Amino acid sequence: MHLAEHVQLMAQYNESMNVKIYETAATLLGEELSRNQGAFFGSVIGTLNHIAVGDIIWLKRFSVLLQSHHELDVVRAMSQPQSLDSVLCSTLPELYEYRKVLDETIVKLAGLLSEAELCLIFNYTNSKGVTSNKKLFSVLMHFFNHQTHHRGQATTLLSQFGRDVGVTDLVAIIPNV
């Protein structure tokens, strides 16, 4: 599998898992969505907001390197989150619409990235001021892994309310050869 194909697979996986998480979260009552359950970002909606915040931060960073990719214009126009626990949307339906825009952008971008672009050196400064120089492909894998990590927390929070997201394993969508 080429790097570009792997990025496309991860973008599809990411989008499909977000649909499952949001559909399951939609079965909760409003109070359950916002109940602090002791997770990194407190509640289900806090965790889902954090995932979107992380995506915006990373997509904005990617947009500097990938200036010719106009798929990222929608993210360029978004406000920069002030912190990792910023609340982008206070209701699940609003956040889900936001999530759909992010996932559509990610899937479009993944379908257009070339092997050469994925091998570019990506220079960025993190929120603590630390500058890094890494291959774009490797940072994209972190980007997808960050979502997977926090979706795992969201599935745990949902299971505490008796909700089952179903199969979340990447291997379930990897095509057979």
N, C-alpha and C. Protein backbone atom coordinates (compact mmCIF):
# COMPACT_ATOMS: atom_id res chain seq x y z
N MET A 1 0.85 -1.18 0.00
CA MET A 1 0.00 0.00 0.00
C MET A 1 0.90 1.24 0.00
N HIS A 2 0.60 2.17 -0.88
CA HIS A 2 1.32 3.43 -0.94
C HIS A 2 0.89 4.33 0.22
N LEU A 3 1.73 5.30 0.53
CA LEU A 3 1.42 6.22 1.64
C LEU A 3 0.08 6.91 1.41
N ALA A 4 -0.14 7.39 0.19
CA ALA A 4 -1.39 8.12 -0.11
C ALA A 4 -2.61 7.22 0.11
N GLU A 5 -2.51 5.96 -0.26
CA GLU A 5 -3.63 5.04 -0.04
C GLU A 5 -3.89 4.84 1.45
N HIS A 6 -2.82 4.81 2.23
CA HIS A 6 -2.98 4.63 3.67
C HIS A 6 -3.65 5.87 4.29
N VAL A 7 -3.25 7.04 3.85
CA VAL A 7 -3.88 8.27 4.35
C VAL A 7 -5.37 8.28 3.99
N GLN A 8 -5.71 7.85 2.79
CA GLN A 8 -7.11 7.80 2.37
C GLN A 8 -7.89 6.81 3.23
N LEU A 9 -7.30 5.65 3.51
CA LEU A 9 -7.94 4.66 4.37
C LEU A 9 -8.19 5.24 5.76
N MET A 10 -7.20 5.93 6.30
CA MET A 10 -7.35 6.51 7.63
C MET A 10 -8.43 7.59 7.65
N ALA A 11 -8.51 8.37 6.59
CA ALA A 11 -9.54 9.42 6.51
C ALA A 11 -10.93 8.79 6.45
N GLN A 12 -11.08 7.71 5.70
CA GLN A 12 -12.37 7.02 5.62
C GLN A 12 -12.74 6.40 6.96
N TYR A 13 -11.77 5.77 7.59
CA TYR A 13 -11.98 5.18 8.92
C TYR A 13 -12.40 6.26 9.92
N ASN A 14 -11.66 7.35 9.91
CA ASN A 14 -11.92 8.46 10.80
C ASN A 14 -13.36 8.95 10.64
N GLU A 15 -13.76 9.18 9.41
CA GLU A 15 -15.11 9.67 9.15
C GLU A 15 -16.17 8.67 9.59
N SER A 16 -15.98 7.39 9.27
CA SER A 16 -16.99 6.39 9.62
C SER A 16 -17.10 6.21 11.13
N MET A 17 -16.00 6.28 11.84
CA MET A 17 -16.05 6.15 13.30
C MET A 17 -16.70 7.38 13.93
N ASN A 18 -16.46 8.55 13.38
CA ASN A 18 -17.11 9.75 13.91
C ASN A 18 -18.62 9.66 13.74
N VAL A 19 -19.09 9.14 12.62
CA VAL A 19 -20.53 8.96 12.42
C VAL A 19 -21.08 8.04 13.52
N LYS A 20 -20.40 6.92 13.78
CA LYS A 20 -20.87 5.98 14.81
C LYS A 20 -20.91 6.62 16.19
N ILE A 21 -19.86 7.37 16.52
CA ILE A 21 -19.79 8.02 17.83
C ILE A 21 -20.92 9.04 17.99
N TYR A 22 -21.11 9.88 16.98
CA TYR A 22 -22.14 10.92 17.07
C TYR A 22 -23.54 10.33 17.07
N GLU A 23 -23.77 9.30 16.27
CA GLU A 23 -25.09 8.66 16.28
C GLU A 23 -25.39 8.04 17.63
N THR A 24 -24.39 7.44 18.25
CA THR A 24 -24.58 6.85 19.58
C THR A 24 -24.76 7.94 20.62
N ALA A 25 -23.96 8.98 20.55
CA ALA A 25 -24.08 10.08 21.51
C ALA A 25 -25.44 10.76 21.42
N ALA A 26 -26.03 10.76 20.24
CA ALA A 26 -27.34 11.39 20.05
C ALA A 26 -28.45 10.68 20.83
N THR A 27 -28.18 9.47 21.32
CA THR A 27 -29.19 8.75 22.11
C THR A 27 -29.17 9.15 23.58
N LEU A 28 -28.18 9.95 23.97
CA LEU A 28 -28.09 10.40 25.36
C LEU A 28 -29.00 11.60 25.59
N LEU A 29 -29.38 11.79 26.83
CA LEU A 29 -30.10 12.98 27.23
C LEU A 29 -29.10 14.13 27.35
N GLY A 30 -29.57 15.36 27.23
CA GLY A 30 -28.68 16.52 27.30
C GLY A 30 -27.81 16.54 28.53
N GLU A 31 -28.38 16.20 29.66
CA GLU A 31 -27.62 16.20 30.91
C GLU A 31 -26.54 15.12 30.87
N GLU A 32 -26.83 13.99 30.25
CA GLU A 32 -25.84 12.92 30.15
C GLU A 32 -24.66 13.34 29.26
N LEU A 33 -24.96 14.04 28.18
CA LEU A 33 -23.91 14.50 27.26
C LEU A 33 -22.89 15.38 27.96
N SER A 34 -23.36 16.21 28.86
CA SER A 34 -22.47 17.19 29.49
C SER A 34 -22.01 16.78 30.89
N ARG A 35 -22.41 15.62 31.37
CA ARG A 35 -22.02 15.18 32.72
C ARG A 35 -20.52 14.90 32.77
N ASN A 36 -19.86 15.51 33.73
CA ASN A 36 -18.43 15.28 33.91
C ASN A 36 -18.25 13.87 34.48
N GLN A 37 -17.60 13.02 33.69
CA GLN A 37 -17.38 11.63 34.10
C GLN A 37 -15.91 11.36 34.42
N GLY A 38 -15.14 12.42 34.59
CA GLY A 38 -13.76 12.27 34.99
C GLY A 38 -12.79 11.96 33.87
N ALA A 39 -13.22 12.08 32.62
CA ALA A 39 -12.32 11.87 31.48
C ALA A 39 -11.42 13.10 31.32
N PHE A 40 -10.44 13.01 30.44
CA PHE A 40 -9.52 14.13 30.21
C PHE A 40 -10.27 15.43 29.96
N PHE A 41 -11.34 15.35 29.19
CA PHE A 41 -12.11 16.54 28.85
C PHE A 41 -13.52 16.46 29.43
N GLY A 42 -13.63 15.73 30.55
CA GLY A 42 -14.84 15.69 31.36
C GLY A 42 -15.95 14.82 30.84
N SER A 43 -16.65 15.31 29.86
CA SER A 43 -17.89 14.70 29.41
C SER A 43 -17.78 14.19 27.98
N VAL A 44 -18.86 13.57 27.52
CA VAL A 44 -18.91 13.13 26.12
C VAL A 44 -18.77 14.34 25.20
N ILE A 45 -19.56 15.38 25.44
CA ILE A 45 -19.50 16.54 24.54
C ILE A 45 -18.18 17.29 24.70
N GLY A 46 -17.61 17.30 25.89
CA GLY A 46 -16.30 17.90 26.08
C GLY A 46 -15.23 17.17 25.29
N THR A 47 -15.30 15.84 25.29
CA THR A 47 -14.34 15.02 24.54
C THR A 47 -14.52 15.23 23.04
N LEU A 48 -15.76 15.26 22.57
CA LEU A 48 -16.01 15.46 21.14
C LEU A 48 -15.58 16.86 20.69
N ASN A 49 -15.77 17.85 21.55
CA ASN A 49 -15.28 19.20 21.25
C ASN A 49 -13.76 19.19 21.14
N HIS A 50 -13.09 18.50 22.06
CA HIS A 50 -11.62 18.45 22.03
C HIS A 50 -11.11 17.82 20.74
N ILE A 51 -11.75 16.76 20.29
CA ILE A 51 -11.32 16.12 19.04
C ILE A 51 -11.41 17.13 17.90
N ALA A 52 -12.50 17.87 17.83
CA ALA A 52 -12.66 18.88 16.77
C ALA A 52 -11.63 20.00 16.92
N VAL A 53 -11.36 20.42 18.14
CA VAL A 53 -10.36 21.45 18.39
C VAL A 53 -8.99 20.97 17.87
N GLY A 54 -8.63 19.74 18.24
CA GLY A 54 -7.35 19.20 17.77
C GLY A 54 -7.28 19.15 16.26
N ASP A 55 -8.37 18.76 15.63
CA ASP A 55 -8.40 18.72 14.16
C ASP A 55 -8.18 20.11 13.56
N ILE A 56 -8.85 21.10 14.11
CA ILE A 56 -8.69 22.46 13.58
C ILE A 56 -7.25 22.93 13.73
N ILE A 57 -6.68 22.71 14.89
CA ILE A 57 -5.29 23.12 15.13
C ILE A 57 -4.36 22.47 14.11
N TRP A 58 -4.49 21.15 13.94
CA TRP A 58 -3.61 20.45 13.00
C TRP A 58 -3.90 20.84 11.55
N LEU A 59 -5.16 20.93 11.18
CA LEU A 59 -5.49 21.29 9.80
C LEU A 59 -4.99 22.69 9.46
N LYS A 60 -5.07 23.61 10.40
CA LYS A 60 -4.52 24.95 10.17
C LYS A 60 -3.00 24.88 9.98
N ARG A 61 -2.33 24.06 10.76
CA ARG A 61 -0.88 23.87 10.58
C ARG A 61 -0.59 23.28 9.20
N PHE A 62 -1.36 22.26 8.83
CA PHE A 62 -1.14 21.64 7.51
C PHE A 62 -1.38 22.64 6.39
N SER A 63 -2.33 23.55 6.59
CA SER A 63 -2.68 24.49 5.53
C SER A 63 -1.53 25.44 5.18
N VAL A 64 -0.61 25.64 6.10
CA VAL A 64 0.56 26.49 5.83
C VAL A 64 1.49 25.77 4.84
N LEU A 65 1.74 24.51 5.08
CA LEU A 65 2.58 23.72 4.19
C LEU A 65 1.89 23.47 2.85
N LEU A 66 0.60 23.22 2.91
CA LEU A 66 -0.15 22.80 1.72
C LEU A 66 -0.99 23.97 1.19
N GLN A 67 -0.33 25.09 0.93
CA GLN A 67 -1.04 26.31 0.53
C GLN A 67 -1.83 26.17 -0.76
N SER A 68 -1.41 25.29 -1.65
CA SER A 68 -2.11 25.15 -2.93
C SER A 68 -3.38 24.29 -2.79
N HIS A 69 -3.59 23.68 -1.63
CA HIS A 69 -4.77 22.83 -1.43
C HIS A 69 -5.93 23.69 -0.91
N HIS A 70 -6.81 24.05 -1.82
CA HIS A 70 -7.93 24.93 -1.47
C HIS A 70 -9.02 24.21 -0.69
N GLU A 71 -8.94 22.88 -0.58
CA GLU A 71 -9.86 22.14 0.28
C GLU A 71 -9.74 22.63 1.71
N LEU A 72 -8.57 23.16 2.05
CA LEU A 72 -8.30 23.62 3.41
C LEU A 72 -8.80 25.05 3.66
N ASP A 73 -9.33 25.70 2.63
CA ASP A 73 -9.81 27.08 2.80
C ASP A 73 -10.89 27.18 3.88
N VAL A 74 -11.75 26.17 3.97
CA VAL A 74 -12.80 26.19 4.99
C VAL A 74 -12.20 26.22 6.40
N VAL A 75 -11.10 25.52 6.59
CA VAL A 75 -10.42 25.50 7.89
C VAL A 75 -9.63 26.78 8.10
N ARG A 76 -9.03 27.29 7.03
CA ARG A 76 -8.31 28.56 7.14
C ARG A 76 -9.24 29.66 7.65
N ALA A 77 -10.52 29.59 7.27
CA ALA A 77 -11.49 30.61 7.67
C ALA A 77 -12.02 30.42 9.09
N MET A 78 -11.78 29.27 9.70
CA MET A 78 -12.26 29.01 11.06
C MET A 78 -11.40 29.75 12.07
N SER A 79 -12.01 30.11 13.18
CA SER A 79 -11.26 30.73 14.27
C SER A 79 -10.30 29.73 14.89
N GLN A 80 -9.15 30.22 15.30
CA GLN A 80 -8.17 29.39 15.99
C GLN A 80 -8.67 29.13 17.41
N PRO A 81 -8.81 27.87 17.81
CA PRO A 81 -9.21 27.58 19.20
C PRO A 81 -8.20 28.17 20.18
N GLN A 82 -8.71 28.71 21.29
CA GLN A 82 -7.85 29.36 22.28
C GLN A 82 -7.15 28.37 23.20
N SER A 83 -7.76 27.17 23.36
CA SER A 83 -7.16 26.16 24.23
C SER A 83 -7.66 24.79 23.79
N LEU A 84 -7.02 23.76 24.31
CA LEU A 84 -7.40 22.40 23.94
C LEU A 84 -8.76 21.99 24.48
N ASP A 85 -9.27 22.73 25.45
CA ASP A 85 -10.60 22.43 25.98
C ASP A 85 -11.64 23.48 25.56
N SER A 86 -11.34 24.19 24.49
CA SER A 86 -12.30 25.16 23.96
C SER A 86 -13.61 24.46 23.59
N VAL A 87 -14.70 25.16 23.81
CA VAL A 87 -16.01 24.64 23.42
C VAL A 87 -16.38 25.30 22.10
N LEU A 88 -16.34 24.53 21.04
CA LEU A 88 -16.69 25.04 19.72
C LEU A 88 -18.20 25.16 19.57
N CYS A 89 -18.90 24.16 20.09
CA CYS A 89 -20.37 24.11 20.02
C CYS A 89 -20.87 23.49 21.32
N SER A 90 -21.94 24.06 21.87
CA SER A 90 -22.44 23.56 23.15
C SER A 90 -23.50 22.48 23.00
N THR A 91 -24.03 22.30 21.78
CA THR A 91 -25.01 21.24 21.57
C THR A 91 -24.46 20.21 20.60
N LEU A 92 -24.92 18.98 20.77
CA LEU A 92 -24.44 17.90 19.90
C LEU A 92 -24.82 18.12 18.44
N PRO A 93 -26.05 18.52 18.12
CA PRO A 93 -26.37 18.73 16.69
C PRO A 93 -25.47 19.78 16.03
N GLU A 94 -25.18 20.87 16.73
CA GLU A 94 -24.28 21.89 16.18
C GLU A 94 -22.88 21.33 15.99
N LEU A 95 -22.40 20.61 16.99
CA LEU A 95 -21.06 20.05 16.92
C LEU A 95 -20.98 19.00 15.81
N TYR A 96 -22.04 18.24 15.63
CA TYR A 96 -22.04 17.21 14.57
C TYR A 96 -21.95 17.87 13.19
N GLU A 97 -22.63 18.97 12.99
CA GLU A 97 -22.53 19.67 11.70
C GLU A 97 -21.10 20.17 11.49
N TYR A 98 -20.49 20.68 12.53
CA TYR A 98 -19.10 21.12 12.49
C TYR A 98 -18.19 19.93 12.15
N ARG A 99 -18.45 18.80 12.82
CA ARG A 99 -17.67 17.58 12.61
C ARG A 99 -17.75 17.11 11.16
N LYS A 100 -18.95 17.18 10.58
CA LYS A 100 -19.14 16.75 9.20
C LYS A 100 -18.31 17.60 8.25
N VAL A 101 -18.23 18.91 8.49
CA VAL A 101 -17.41 19.79 7.66
C VAL A 101 -15.94 19.41 7.79
N LEU A 102 -15.50 19.16 9.00
CA LEU A 102 -14.10 18.75 9.20
C LEU A 102 -13.81 17.43 8.51
N ASP A 103 -14.69 16.44 8.67
CA ASP A 103 -14.45 15.14 8.06
C ASP A 103 -14.48 15.21 6.54
N GLU A 104 -15.37 16.01 6.00
CA GLU A 104 -15.42 16.18 4.54
C GLU A 104 -14.12 16.80 4.04
N THR A 105 -13.61 17.77 4.77
CA THR A 105 -12.34 18.41 4.41
C THR A 105 -11.19 17.41 4.48
N ILE A 106 -11.17 16.61 5.53
CA ILE A 106 -10.10 15.62 5.71
C ILE A 106 -10.13 14.58 4.59
N VAL A 107 -11.32 14.08 4.26
CA VAL A 107 -11.44 13.07 3.21
C VAL A 107 -11.03 13.66 1.85
N LYS A 108 -11.46 14.88 1.56
CA LYS A 108 -11.07 15.52 0.29
C LYS A 108 -9.56 15.69 0.22
N LEU A 109 -8.97 16.22 1.29
CA LEU A 109 -7.53 16.43 1.31
C LEU A 109 -6.79 15.11 1.14
N ALA A 110 -7.22 14.09 1.86
CA ALA A 110 -6.56 12.78 1.78
C ALA A 110 -6.59 12.23 0.36
N GLY A 111 -7.66 12.49 -0.37
CA GLY A 111 -7.77 12.00 -1.74
C GLY A 111 -6.89 12.74 -2.73
N LEU A 112 -6.36 13.87 -2.32
CA LEU A 112 -5.57 14.69 -3.23
C LEU A 112 -4.08 14.74 -2.91
N LEU A 113 -3.68 14.29 -1.74
CA LEU A 113 -2.27 14.35 -1.36
C LEU A 113 -1.45 13.39 -2.21
N SER A 114 -0.34 13.87 -2.70
CA SER A 114 0.55 13.04 -3.51
C SER A 114 1.59 12.35 -2.62
N GLU A 115 2.21 11.33 -3.17
CA GLU A 115 3.29 10.66 -2.45
C GLU A 115 4.40 11.65 -2.12
N ALA A 116 4.71 12.53 -3.07
CA ALA A 116 5.77 13.52 -2.84
C ALA A 116 5.40 14.47 -1.70
N GLU A 117 4.14 14.91 -1.65
CA GLU A 117 3.73 15.80 -0.57
C GLU A 117 3.82 15.09 0.78
N LEU A 118 3.45 13.83 0.81
CA LEU A 118 3.48 13.09 2.07
C LEU A 118 4.90 12.91 2.60
N CYS A 119 5.89 13.06 1.74
CA CYS A 119 7.29 12.95 2.14
C CYS A 119 7.93 14.30 2.46
N LEU A 120 7.16 15.39 2.29
CA LEU A 120 7.68 16.71 2.61
C LEU A 120 8.01 16.81 4.10
N ILE A 121 8.98 17.65 4.40
CA ILE A 121 9.29 17.94 5.80
C ILE A 121 8.33 19.04 6.25
N PHE A 122 7.65 18.77 7.34
CA PHE A 122 6.61 19.64 7.88
C PHE A 122 7.19 20.33 9.10
N ASN A 123 7.32 21.65 9.02
CA ASN A 123 7.84 22.45 10.13
C ASN A 123 6.66 23.11 10.83
N TYR A 124 6.58 22.95 12.13
CA TYR A 124 5.49 23.57 12.88
C TYR A 124 5.94 23.82 14.32
N THR A 125 5.19 24.66 14.99
CA THR A 125 5.44 24.96 16.40
C THR A 125 4.19 24.55 17.17
N ASN A 126 4.38 23.76 18.22
CA ASN A 126 3.22 23.30 18.98
C ASN A 126 2.75 24.37 19.96
N SER A 127 1.71 24.06 20.71
CA SER A 127 1.10 25.03 21.61
C SER A 127 2.00 25.44 22.78
N LYS A 128 3.07 24.67 23.00
CA LYS A 128 4.02 25.01 24.07
C LYS A 128 5.25 25.74 23.53
N GLY A 129 5.23 26.04 22.21
CA GLY A 129 6.33 26.77 21.61
C GLY A 129 7.48 25.93 21.10
N VAL A 130 7.31 24.61 21.11
CA VAL A 130 8.37 23.71 20.65
C VAL A 130 8.24 23.55 19.14
N THR A 131 9.35 23.80 18.43
CA THR A 131 9.37 23.68 16.98
C THR A 131 9.82 22.27 16.60
N SER A 132 9.16 21.71 15.59
CA SER A 132 9.48 20.37 15.11
C SER A 132 9.57 20.37 13.59
N ASN A 133 10.34 19.42 13.09
CA ASN A 133 10.49 19.18 11.65
C ASN A 133 10.32 17.69 11.44
N LYS A 134 9.17 17.30 10.87
CA LYS A 134 8.86 15.88 10.71
C LYS A 134 8.25 15.65 9.34
N LYS A 135 8.29 14.40 8.89
CA LYS A 135 7.63 14.08 7.62
C LYS A 135 6.13 14.26 7.77
N LEU A 136 5.52 14.86 6.75
CA LEU A 136 4.09 15.11 6.78
C LEU A 136 3.32 13.81 7.02
N PHE A 137 3.69 12.72 6.35
CA PHE A 137 2.97 11.46 6.53
C PHE A 137 2.95 11.04 7.99
N SER A 138 4.07 11.13 8.66
CA SER A 138 4.15 10.72 10.07
C SER A 138 3.26 11.58 10.95
N VAL A 139 3.21 12.88 10.68
CA VAL A 139 2.36 13.77 11.48
C VAL A 139 0.89 13.50 11.18
N LEU A 140 0.57 13.18 9.94
CA LEU A 140 -0.81 12.81 9.61
C LEU A 140 -1.23 11.55 10.36
N MET A 141 -0.33 10.61 10.52
CA MET A 141 -0.67 9.40 11.29
C MET A 141 -0.94 9.76 12.75
N HIS A 142 -0.17 10.72 13.29
CA HIS A 142 -0.46 11.20 14.64
C HIS A 142 -1.84 11.86 14.69
N PHE A 143 -2.14 12.67 13.70
CA PHE A 143 -3.43 13.37 13.59
C PHE A 143 -4.58 12.37 13.69
N PHE A 144 -4.49 11.28 12.92
CA PHE A 144 -5.54 10.26 12.96
C PHE A 144 -5.52 9.50 14.28
N ASN A 145 -4.34 9.22 14.79
CA ASN A 145 -4.22 8.50 16.06
C ASN A 145 -4.78 9.32 17.21
N HIS A 146 -4.61 10.62 17.17
CA HIS A 146 -5.17 11.49 18.22
C HIS A 146 -6.68 11.33 18.29
N GLN A 147 -7.32 11.32 17.13
CA GLN A 147 -8.78 11.12 17.12
C GLN A 147 -9.14 9.75 17.67
N THR A 148 -8.42 8.72 17.24
CA THR A 148 -8.71 7.37 17.71
C THR A 148 -8.58 7.29 19.22
N HIS A 149 -7.54 7.89 19.76
CA HIS A 149 -7.32 7.89 21.21
C HIS A 149 -8.52 8.48 21.94
N HIS A 150 -8.94 9.66 21.52
CA HIS A 150 -10.04 10.32 22.23
C HIS A 150 -11.41 9.71 21.90
N ARG A 151 -11.57 9.14 20.71
CA ARG A 151 -12.82 8.41 20.44
C ARG A 151 -12.91 7.19 21.36
N GLY A 152 -11.77 6.59 21.67
CA GLY A 152 -11.76 5.48 22.63
C GLY A 152 -12.27 5.94 23.99
N GLN A 153 -11.89 7.13 24.40
CA GLN A 153 -12.41 7.68 25.65
C GLN A 153 -13.91 7.92 25.54
N ALA A 154 -14.34 8.45 24.39
CA ALA A 154 -15.77 8.72 24.20
C ALA A 154 -16.56 7.42 24.23
N THR A 155 -16.03 6.34 23.64
CA THR A 155 -16.77 5.07 23.67
C THR A 155 -16.87 4.54 25.09
N THR A 156 -15.84 4.77 25.90
CA THR A 156 -15.90 4.36 27.31
C THR A 156 -16.97 5.17 28.04
N LEU A 157 -16.99 6.47 27.82
CA LEU A 157 -18.00 7.31 28.46
C LEU A 157 -19.40 6.89 28.03
N LEU A 158 -19.57 6.60 26.75
CA LEU A 158 -20.88 6.16 26.26
C LEU A 158 -21.27 4.82 26.86
N SER A 159 -20.30 3.92 27.01
CA SER A 159 -20.61 2.61 27.59
C SER A 159 -21.03 2.74 29.05
N GLN A 160 -20.56 3.77 29.75
CA GLN A 160 -20.97 4.01 31.13
C GLN A 160 -22.45 4.39 31.21
N PHE A 161 -23.02 4.81 30.09
CA PHE A 161 -24.45 5.10 30.02
C PHE A 161 -25.21 3.94 29.36
N GLY A 162 -24.53 2.81 29.17
CA GLY A 162 -25.17 1.64 28.57
C GLY A 162 -25.31 1.71 27.07
N ARG A 163 -24.52 2.56 26.41
CA ARG A 163 -24.59 2.70 24.95
C ARG A 163 -23.39 1.98 24.32
N ASP A 164 -23.65 1.23 23.27
CA ASP A 164 -22.61 0.47 22.56
C ASP A 164 -22.41 1.06 21.18
N VAL A 165 -21.21 1.52 20.91
CA VAL A 165 -20.87 2.11 19.61
C VAL A 165 -20.73 1.04 18.54
N GLY A 166 -20.45 -0.18 18.95
CA GLY A 166 -20.22 -1.27 17.99
C GLY A 166 -18.74 -1.42 17.68
N VAL A 167 -18.45 -2.10 16.60
CA VAL A 167 -17.06 -2.38 16.21
C VAL A 167 -16.37 -1.07 15.83
N THR A 168 -15.21 -0.85 16.42
CA THR A 168 -14.44 0.37 16.12
C THR A 168 -13.05 0.06 15.58
N ASP A 169 -12.77 -1.20 15.32
CA ASP A 169 -11.44 -1.59 14.88
C ASP A 169 -11.19 -1.21 13.42
N LEU A 170 -10.03 -0.62 13.17
CA LEU A 170 -9.62 -0.27 11.82
C LEU A 170 -9.63 -1.49 10.90
N VAL A 171 -9.23 -2.62 11.42
CA VAL A 171 -9.13 -3.83 10.60
C VAL A 171 -10.48 -4.21 9.97
N ALA A 172 -11.57 -3.75 10.58
CA ALA A 172 -12.89 -4.07 10.04
C ALA A 172 -13.15 -3.38 8.70
N ILE A 173 -12.44 -2.28 8.41
CA ILE A 173 -12.66 -1.61 7.12
C ILE A 173 -11.49 -1.77 6.15
N ILE A 174 -10.42 -2.42 6.58
CA ILE A 174 -9.30 -2.67 5.64
C ILE A 174 -9.78 -3.69 4.63
N PRO A 175 -9.66 -3.35 3.35
CA PRO A 175 -10.14 -4.29 2.33
C PRO A 175 -9.31 -5.58 2.29
N ASN A 176 -9.97 -6.67 2.00
CA ASN A 176 -9.26 -7.92 1.77
C ASN A 176 -8.56 -7.85 0.43
N VAL A 177 -7.47 -8.56 0.31
CA VAL A 177 -6.72 -8.59 -0.96
C VAL A 177 -6.85 -9.93 -1.63
